[in-house]
Amino acid sequence: PSPSSETPFFETWLQTCMPEEGKTLNPDHPCFRPESGKVESLVALLNSSSEMKLV
């Protein structure tokens, strides 16, 4: 448990994006549509890391 009362990101994602047993995933759900700016920032961060390079 985190010291703050905020729900951890992964727990929120799991409750929001994963289907209940016997149900299928909805590919149009917003949690499967990442914001391109955030994706590009993450790729730039990973590429700038001295230990990790994306090819």
C-alpha atoms as a PDB file:
ATOM      1  CA  PRO A   1       0.000   0.000   0.000  1.00  0.00           C
ATOM      2  CA  SER A   2       1.262   3.461  -0.864  1.00  0.00           C
ATOM      3  CA  PRO A   3       1.600   6.079   1.858  1.00  0.00           C
ATOM      4  CA  SER A   4      -0.872   8.370   0.083  1.00  0.00           C
ATOM      5  CA  SER A   5      -4.571   7.648  -0.341  1.00  0.00           C
ATOM      6  CA  GLU A   6      -4.163   7.705  -4.131  1.00  0.00           C
ATOM      7  CA  THR A   7      -4.799   4.430  -5.956  1.00  0.00           C
ATOM      8  CA  PRO A   8      -1.639   3.177  -7.708  1.00  0.00           C
ATOM      9  CA  PHE A   9      -1.626   3.606 -11.493  1.00  0.00           C
ATOM     10  CA  PHE A  10      -1.425  -0.120 -12.268  1.00  0.00           C
ATOM     11  CA  GLU A  11      -4.330  -0.941  -9.970  1.00  0.00           C
ATOM     12  CA  THR A  12      -6.459   1.749 -11.625  1.00  0.00           C
ATOM     13  CA  TRP A  13      -5.447   0.524 -15.086  1.00  0.00           C
ATOM     14  CA  LEU A  14      -6.236  -3.079 -14.152  1.00  0.00           C
ATOM     15  CA  GLN A  15      -9.709  -2.184 -12.871  1.00  0.00           C
ATOM     16  CA  THR A  16     -10.448   0.067 -15.863  1.00  0.00           C
ATOM     17  CA  CYS A  17      -8.914  -1.804 -18.778  1.00  0.00           C
ATOM     18  CA  MET A  18      -9.013  -5.507 -18.019  1.00  0.00           C
ATOM     19  CA  PRO A  19     -12.267  -7.361 -18.700  1.00  0.00           C
ATOM     20  CA  GLU A  20     -14.096  -9.440 -16.175  1.00  0.00           C
ATOM     21  CA  GLU A  21     -13.814 -13.198 -16.536  1.00  0.00           C
ATOM     22  CA  GLY A  22     -15.723 -14.401 -19.582  1.00  0.00           C
ATOM     23  CA  LYS A  23     -15.795 -10.968 -21.246  1.00  0.00           C
ATOM     24  CA  THR A  24     -13.680  -9.742 -24.137  1.00  0.00           C
ATOM     25  CA  LEU A  25     -11.443  -6.686 -24.352  1.00  0.00           C
ATOM     26  CA  ASN A  26     -12.861  -3.652 -26.125  1.00  0.00           C
ATOM     27  CA  PRO A  27     -10.091  -2.420 -28.474  1.00  0.00           C
ATOM     28  CA  ASP A  28     -11.830   0.975 -28.778  1.00  0.00           C
ATOM     29  CA  HIS A  29     -11.580   1.678 -25.042  1.00  0.00           C
ATOM     30  CA  PRO A  30      -9.579   4.870 -24.334  1.00  0.00           C
ATOM     31  CA  CYS A  31      -7.010   2.968 -22.262  1.00  0.00           C
ATOM     32  CA  PHE A  32      -5.853   1.284 -25.489  1.00  0.00           C
ATOM     33  CA  ARG A  33      -5.507   4.623 -27.322  1.00  0.00           C
ATOM     34  CA  PRO A  34      -2.363   6.213 -25.881  1.00  0.00           C
ATOM     35  CA  GLU A  35      -1.740   9.902 -26.392  1.00  0.00           C
ATOM     36  CA  SER A  36       0.873  10.150 -29.144  1.00  0.00           C
ATOM     37  CA  GLY A  37       2.733  12.922 -27.305  1.00  0.00           C
ATOM     38  CA  LYS A  38       3.194  10.716 -24.260  1.00  0.00           C
ATOM     39  CA  VAL A  39       4.333   7.787 -26.407  1.00  0.00           C
ATOM     40  CA  GLU A  40       6.864   9.972 -28.235  1.00  0.00           C
ATOM     41  CA  SER A  41       8.159  11.364 -24.926  1.00  0.00           C
ATOM     42  CA  LEU A  42       8.622   7.841 -23.580  1.00  0.00           C
ATOM     43  CA  VAL A  43      10.447   6.690 -26.723  1.00  0.00           C
ATOM     44  CA  ALA A  44      12.703   9.777 -26.568  1.00  0.00           C
ATOM     45  CA  LEU A  45      13.449   9.083 -22.902  1.00  0.00           C
ATOM     46  CA  LEU A  46      14.282   5.440 -23.621  1.00  0.00           C
ATOM     47  CA  ASN A  47      16.467   6.395 -26.588  1.00  0.00           C
ATOM     48  CA  SER A  48      18.380   8.955 -24.518  1.00  0.00           C
ATOM     49  CA  SER A  49      19.169   6.426 -21.798  1.00  0.00           C
ATOM     50  CA  SER A  50      22.793   5.301 -21.820  1.00  0.00           C
ATOM     51  CA  GLU A  51      21.766   1.754 -20.904  1.00  0.00           C
ATOM     52  CA  MET A  52      18.847   1.238 -23.266  1.00  0.00           C
ATOM     53  CA  LYS A  53      18.504   1.936 -26.971  1.00  0.00           C
ATOM     54  CA  LEU A  54      15.483   1.170 -29.140  1.00  0.00           C
ATOM     55  CA  VAL A  55      16.248  -0.088 -32.629  1.00  0.00           C
END
